[in-house]
Amino acid sequence: MIRDQETNRADFIFYSNRIIRLLVEEGLNHLPVVQQTVTTPVGRSYSGVNFQGKICGVSIMRAGEAMEQGLRECCRSVRIGKILIQRDEETSKPRLFYAKLPEDIADRWVLLLDPMLATGGSALMAVDVLRSHGVPEERILFLNLIASPEGANNFAQKFPKLRVVTAFVDQGLDEKK
């Protein structure tokens, strides 16, 4: 539905939000857990798991902000950081304009949010920003709706410990990238 040019705006938003929520839930499945036993309301023991740690979302502005609600629906009171990276029209290279991150981000698992992964330039720079703030590569999960094979390969080569959770890998980039 979201790839169909005939899809109306309301349906596009509805189905995109649904996919985003599924991506967030899948991303949360990659976080470490510990065994925990609780007592149910009927007095029985139940063995399950519990996440031990703190998370935050970081959206690559502005498109990544569309994914924040899905994260908030799964994780109440989650901290959200913002990174603004835009492509320089002359050099076609990404350029950092703004970064506002939680002070304790180095102690958190980070869900990096951006719906599109084309060449990966902006997202790779966002990871560099997170790492410069002390976040280990293996504690970053990049969530996106659509990835190009080129962008996914760029990520795998530069950050092999980082996990990418995507809904769809496209056929490839066109001449516009």
C-alpha atoms as a PDB file:
ATOM      1  CA  MET A   1       0.000   0.000   0.000  1.00  0.00           C
ATOM      2  CA  ILE A   2       2.645   2.577   0.916  1.00  0.00           C
ATOM      3  CA  ARG A   3       4.552   1.974  -2.341  1.00  0.00           C
ATOM      4  CA  ASP A   4       1.469   2.377  -4.561  1.00  0.00           C
ATOM      5  CA  GLN A   5       1.251   5.822  -6.188  1.00  0.00           C
ATOM      6  CA  GLU A   6      -2.563   5.499  -6.122  1.00  0.00           C
ATOM      7  CA  THR A   7      -2.708   5.173  -2.313  1.00  0.00           C
ATOM      8  CA  ASN A   8      -4.498   8.124  -0.765  1.00  0.00           C
ATOM      9  CA  ARG A   9      -2.877  10.193   1.983  1.00  0.00           C
ATOM     10  CA  ALA A  10      -4.973   8.784   4.857  1.00  0.00           C
ATOM     11  CA  ASP A  11      -4.200   5.173   3.912  1.00  0.00           C
ATOM     12  CA  PHE A  12      -0.513   5.986   3.387  1.00  0.00           C
ATOM     13  CA  ILE A  13      -0.269   7.475   6.889  1.00  0.00           C
ATOM     14  CA  PHE A  14      -2.242   4.619   8.469  1.00  0.00           C
ATOM     15  CA  TYR A  15      -0.171   1.841   6.897  1.00  0.00           C
ATOM     16  CA  SER A  16       3.134   3.652   7.374  1.00  0.00           C
ATOM     17  CA  ASN A  17       2.396   4.099  11.075  1.00  0.00           C
ATOM     18  CA  ARG A  18       1.454   0.436  11.355  1.00  0.00           C
ATOM     19  CA  ILE A  19       4.743  -0.661   9.748  1.00  0.00           C
ATOM     20  CA  ILE A  20       6.713   1.760  11.930  1.00  0.00           C
ATOM     21  CA  ARG A  21       5.171   0.261  15.057  1.00  0.00           C
ATOM     22  CA  LEU A  22       6.136  -3.231  13.876  1.00  0.00           C
ATOM     23  CA  LEU A  23       9.692  -2.036  13.169  1.00  0.00           C
ATOM     24  CA  VAL A  24       9.966  -0.561  16.664  1.00  0.00           C
ATOM     25  CA  GLU A  25       8.684  -3.782  18.226  1.00  0.00           C
ATOM     26  CA  GLU A  26      11.175  -5.828  16.189  1.00  0.00           C
ATOM     27  CA  GLY A  27      13.976  -3.455  17.186  1.00  0.00           C
ATOM     28  CA  LEU A  28      13.056  -3.904  20.851  1.00  0.00           C
ATOM     29  CA  ASN A  29      13.369  -7.689  20.360  1.00  0.00           C
ATOM     30  CA  HIS A  30      17.096  -7.155  19.729  1.00  0.00           C
ATOM     31  CA  LEU A  31      17.739  -5.632  23.151  1.00  0.00           C
ATOM     32  CA  PRO A  32      19.287  -7.769  25.905  1.00  0.00           C
ATOM     33  CA  VAL A  33      16.984  -9.213  28.549  1.00  0.00           C
ATOM     34  CA  VAL A  34      17.281 -11.089  31.831  1.00  0.00           C
ATOM     35  CA  GLN A  35      15.064 -13.820  33.211  1.00  0.00           C
ATOM     36  CA  GLN A  36      12.422 -12.608  35.641  1.00  0.00           C
ATOM     37  CA  THR A  37       9.727 -14.432  37.547  1.00  0.00           C
ATOM     38  CA  VAL A  38       6.576 -12.622  38.614  1.00  0.00           C
ATOM     39  CA  THR A  39       3.458 -13.624  40.503  1.00  0.00           C
ATOM     40  CA  THR A  40       0.280 -13.409  38.431  1.00  0.00           C
ATOM     41  CA  PRO A  41      -2.994 -11.965  39.816  1.00  0.00           C
ATOM     42  CA  VAL A  42      -4.194 -15.534  40.485  1.00  0.00           C
ATOM     43  CA  GLY A  43      -1.111 -16.280  42.607  1.00  0.00           C
ATOM     44  CA  ARG A  44       0.849 -18.371  40.116  1.00  0.00           C
ATOM     45  CA  SER A  45       4.469 -17.840  39.163  1.00  0.00           C
ATOM     46  CA  TYR A  46       5.257 -16.830  35.630  1.00  0.00           C
ATOM     47  CA  SER A  47       8.773 -16.922  34.164  1.00  0.00           C
ATOM     48  CA  GLY A  48       9.494 -14.302  31.541  1.00  0.00           C
ATOM     49  CA  VAL A  49      12.094 -11.747  30.592  1.00  0.00           C
ATOM     50  CA  ASN A  50      12.723  -8.104  31.413  1.00  0.00           C
ATOM     51  CA  PHE A  51      14.874  -5.541  29.639  1.00  0.00           C
ATOM     52  CA  GLN A  52      17.655  -4.298  31.880  1.00  0.00           C
ATOM     53  CA  GLY A  53      18.875  -0.907  30.835  1.00  0.00           C
ATOM     54  CA  LYS A  54      17.715   2.356  29.355  1.00  0.00           C
ATOM     55  CA  ILE A  55      16.823   3.247  25.805  1.00  0.00           C
ATOM     56  CA  CYS A  56      16.283   6.387  23.811  1.00  0.00           C
ATOM     57  CA  GLY A  57      15.180   7.193  20.325  1.00  0.00           C
ATOM     58  CA  VAL A  58      17.149   9.540  18.098  1.00  0.00           C
ATOM     59  CA  SER A  59      15.400  10.815  15.007  1.00  0.00           C
ATOM     60  CA  ILE A  60      17.253  12.112  11.996  1.00  0.00           C
ATOM     61  CA  MET A  61      15.258  15.259  11.338  1.00  0.00           C
ATOM     62  CA  ARG A  62      12.816  15.763   9.778  1.00  0.00           C
ATOM     63  CA  ALA A  63      11.702  12.445   8.269  1.00  0.00           C
ATOM     64  CA  GLY A  64      12.769  10.437  11.314  1.00  0.00           C
ATOM     65  CA  GLU A  65      10.323  12.377  13.461  1.00  0.00           C
ATOM     66  CA  ALA A  66       7.505  10.487  11.732  1.00  0.00           C
ATOM     67  CA  MET A  67       8.731   7.362  13.541  1.00  0.00           C
ATOM     68  CA  GLU A  68       8.739   8.855  17.044  1.00  0.00           C
ATOM     69  CA  GLN A  69       5.063   8.158  17.762  1.00  0.00           C
ATOM     70  CA  GLY A  70       5.528   4.449  17.050  1.00  0.00           C
ATOM     71  CA  LEU A  71       8.378   4.377  19.557  1.00  0.00           C
ATOM     72  CA  ARG A  72       6.330   6.271  22.150  1.00  0.00           C
ATOM     73  CA  GLU A  73       3.430   3.834  21.702  1.00  0.00           C
ATOM     74  CA  CYS A  74       5.749   0.953  22.605  1.00  0.00           C
ATOM     75  CA  CYS A  75       7.860   2.704  25.262  1.00  0.00           C
ATOM     76  CA  ARG A  76       6.145   5.217  27.502  1.00  0.00           C
ATOM     77  CA  SER A  77       8.224   8.202  28.590  1.00  0.00           C
ATOM     78  CA  VAL A  78      11.072   7.301  26.230  1.00  0.00           C
ATOM     79  CA  ARG A  79      13.714   9.999  25.813  1.00  0.00           C
ATOM     80  CA  ILE A  80      14.033  11.359  22.273  1.00  0.00           C
ATOM     81  CA  GLY A  81      17.082  13.030  20.774  1.00  0.00           C
ATOM     82  CA  LYS A  82      17.326  14.887  17.477  1.00  0.00           C
ATOM     83  CA  ILE A  83      20.001  15.136  14.802  1.00  0.00           C
ATOM     84  CA  LEU A  84      19.660  17.407  11.765  1.00  0.00           C
ATOM     85  CA  ILE A  85      21.845  16.454   8.826  1.00  0.00           C
ATOM     86  CA  GLN A  86      21.340  17.831   5.352  1.00  0.00           C
ATOM     87  CA  ARG A  87      23.120  17.152   2.112  1.00  0.00           C
ATOM     88  CA  ASP A  88      25.311  19.997   0.884  1.00  0.00           C
ATOM     89  CA  GLU A  89      24.010  20.870  -2.585  1.00  0.00           C
ATOM     90  CA  GLU A  90      27.486  21.698  -3.916  1.00  0.00           C
ATOM     91  CA  THR A  91      29.434  18.726  -2.582  1.00  0.00           C
ATOM     92  CA  SER A  92      26.546  16.226  -2.156  1.00  0.00           C
ATOM     93  CA  LYS A  93      28.126  15.345   1.205  1.00  0.00           C
ATOM     94  CA  PRO A  94      26.125  15.248   4.448  1.00  0.00           C
ATOM     95  CA  ARG A  95      26.555  18.182   6.809  1.00  0.00           C
ATOM     96  CA  LEU A  96      25.640  18.269  10.519  1.00  0.00           C
ATOM     97  CA  PHE A  97      23.504  21.263  11.470  1.00  0.00           C
ATOM     98  CA  TYR A  98      22.110  20.302  14.891  1.00  0.00           C
ATOM     99  CA  ALA A  99      22.330  17.606  17.545  1.00  0.00           C
ATOM    100  CA  LYS A 100      20.337  17.537  20.792  1.00  0.00           C
ATOM    101  CA  LEU A 101      20.852  14.288  22.679  1.00  0.00           C
ATOM    102  CA  PRO A 102      20.129  13.102  26.226  1.00  0.00           C
ATOM    103  CA  GLU A 103      23.084  13.816  28.521  1.00  0.00           C
ATOM    104  CA  ASP A 104      23.343  10.148  29.508  1.00  0.00           C
ATOM    105  CA  ILE A 105      23.069   8.804  25.954  1.00  0.00           C
ATOM    106  CA  ALA A 106      26.338   6.866  26.319  1.00  0.00           C
ATOM    107  CA  ASP A 107      24.577   4.693  28.944  1.00  0.00           C
ATOM    108  CA  ARG A 108      21.568   3.957  26.760  1.00  0.00           C
ATOM    109  CA  TRP A 109      20.624   1.685  23.887  1.00  0.00           C
ATOM    110  CA  VAL A 110      19.810   3.949  20.948  1.00  0.00           C
ATOM    111  CA  LEU A 111      17.090   3.378  18.370  1.00  0.00           C
ATOM    112  CA  LEU A 112      18.134   5.581  15.441  1.00  0.00           C
ATOM    113  CA  LEU A 113      15.061   6.533  13.402  1.00  0.00           C
ATOM    114  CA  ASP A 114      14.945   7.466   9.717  1.00  0.00           C
ATOM    115  CA  PRO A 115      12.408   6.015   7.260  1.00  0.00           C
ATOM    116  CA  MET A 116      14.689   6.031   4.193  1.00  0.00           C
ATOM    117  CA  LEU A 117      18.191   4.641   3.715  1.00  0.00           C
ATOM    118  CA  ALA A 118      19.509   5.586   0.264  1.00  0.00           C
ATOM    119  CA  THR A 119      23.295   6.004   0.055  1.00  0.00           C
ATOM    120  CA  GLY A 120      23.511   6.051   3.839  1.00  0.00           C
ATOM    121  CA  GLY A 121      25.430   9.330   4.022  1.00  0.00           C
ATOM    122  CA  SER A 122      23.161  11.055   6.560  1.00  0.00           C
ATOM    123  CA  ALA A 123      22.585   7.953   8.649  1.00  0.00           C
ATOM    124  CA  LEU A 124      26.302   7.110   8.724  1.00  0.00           C
ATOM    125  CA  MET A 125      27.050  10.648   9.898  1.00  0.00           C
ATOM    126  CA  ALA A 126      24.330  10.308  12.566  1.00  0.00           C
ATOM    127  CA  VAL A 127      26.059   7.153  13.842  1.00  0.00           C
ATOM    128  CA  ASP A 128      29.358   9.067  13.933  1.00  0.00           C
ATOM    129  CA  VAL A 129      27.625  11.756  16.034  1.00  0.00           C
ATOM    130  CA  LEU A 130      26.281   9.111  18.435  1.00  0.00           C
ATOM    131  CA  ARG A 131      29.681   7.449  18.725  1.00  0.00           C
ATOM    132  CA  SER A 132      31.322  10.839  19.393  1.00  0.00           C
ATOM    133  CA  HIS A 133      28.910  11.133  22.342  1.00  0.00           C
ATOM    134  CA  GLY A 134      30.133   7.810  23.738  1.00  0.00           C
ATOM    135  CA  VAL A 135      27.512   5.402  22.384  1.00  0.00           C
ATOM    136  CA  PRO A 136      29.144   2.080  21.463  1.00  0.00           C
ATOM    137  CA  GLU A 137      28.374   0.894  17.937  1.00  0.00           C
ATOM    138  CA  GLU A 138      26.830  -2.351  19.193  1.00  0.00           C
ATOM    139  CA  ARG A 139      24.271  -0.376  21.265  1.00  0.00           C
ATOM    140  CA  ILE A 140      22.800   1.364  18.210  1.00  0.00           C
ATOM    141  CA  LEU A 141      19.894  -0.088  16.229  1.00  0.00           C
ATOM    142  CA  PHE A 142      18.979   1.711  13.010  1.00  0.00           C
ATOM    143  CA  LEU A 143      15.266   1.425  12.180  1.00  0.00           C
ATOM    144  CA  ASN A 144      13.980   2.351   8.722  1.00  0.00           C
ATOM    145  CA  LEU A 145      11.131   1.564   6.363  1.00  0.00           C
ATOM    146  CA  ILE A 146      12.958   1.272   3.047  1.00  0.00           C
ATOM    147  CA  ALA A 147      16.658   0.627   2.458  1.00  0.00           C
ATOM    148  CA  SER A 148      18.657   0.485  -0.730  1.00  0.00           C
ATOM    149  CA  PRO A 149      21.149  -2.369  -1.110  1.00  0.00           C
ATOM    150  CA  GLU A 150      23.901   0.253  -1.497  1.00  0.00           C
ATOM    151  CA  GLY A 151      22.982   1.971   1.786  1.00  0.00           C
ATOM    152  CA  ALA A 152      22.726  -1.335   3.641  1.00  0.00           C
ATOM    153  CA  ASN A 153      26.135  -2.398   2.292  1.00  0.00           C
ATOM    154  CA  ASN A 154      27.679   0.944   3.288  1.00  0.00           C
ATOM    155  CA  PHE A 155      26.392   0.406   6.818  1.00  0.00           C
ATOM    156  CA  ALA A 156      27.648  -3.170   7.007  1.00  0.00           C
ATOM    157  CA  GLN A 157      31.117  -2.140   5.845  1.00  0.00           C
ATOM    158  CA  LYS A 158      31.535   0.889   8.107  1.00  0.00           C
ATOM    159  CA  PHE A 159      29.667  -0.359  11.198  1.00  0.00           C
ATOM    160  CA  PRO A 160      29.604  -4.178  11.236  1.00  0.00           C
ATOM    161  CA  LYS A 161      28.389  -4.347  14.873  1.00  0.00           C
ATOM    162  CA  LEU A 162      25.408  -2.035  14.290  1.00  0.00           C
ATOM    163  CA  ARG A 163      22.061  -3.698  13.611  1.00  0.00           C
ATOM    164  CA  VAL A 164      19.753  -2.429  10.874  1.00  0.00           C
ATOM    165  CA  VAL A 165      16.050  -3.269  11.111  1.00  0.00           C
ATOM    166  CA  THR A 166      14.200  -2.475   7.895  1.00  0.00           C
ATOM    167  CA  ALA A 167      10.819  -3.335   6.434  1.00  0.00           C
ATOM    168  CA  PHE A 168      11.938  -3.498   2.815  1.00  0.00           C
ATOM    169  CA  VAL A 169      15.140  -3.559   0.771  1.00  0.00           C
ATOM    170  CA  ASP A 170      14.525  -1.761  -2.522  1.00  0.00           C
ATOM    171  CA  GLN A 171      15.950  -2.784  -5.920  1.00  0.00           C
ATOM    172  CA  GLY A 172      18.615  -0.108  -5.839  1.00  0.00           C
ATOM    173  CA  LEU A 173      19.288   3.578  -6.321  1.00  0.00           C
ATOM    174  CA  ASP A 174      18.446   5.456  -9.487  1.00  0.00           C
ATOM    175  CA  GLU A 175      20.473   8.280 -11.017  1.00  0.00           C
ATOM    176  CA  LYS A 176      18.982  10.744  -8.476  1.00  0.00           C
ATOM    177  CA  LYS A 177      20.089   8.567  -5.532  1.00  0.00           C
END
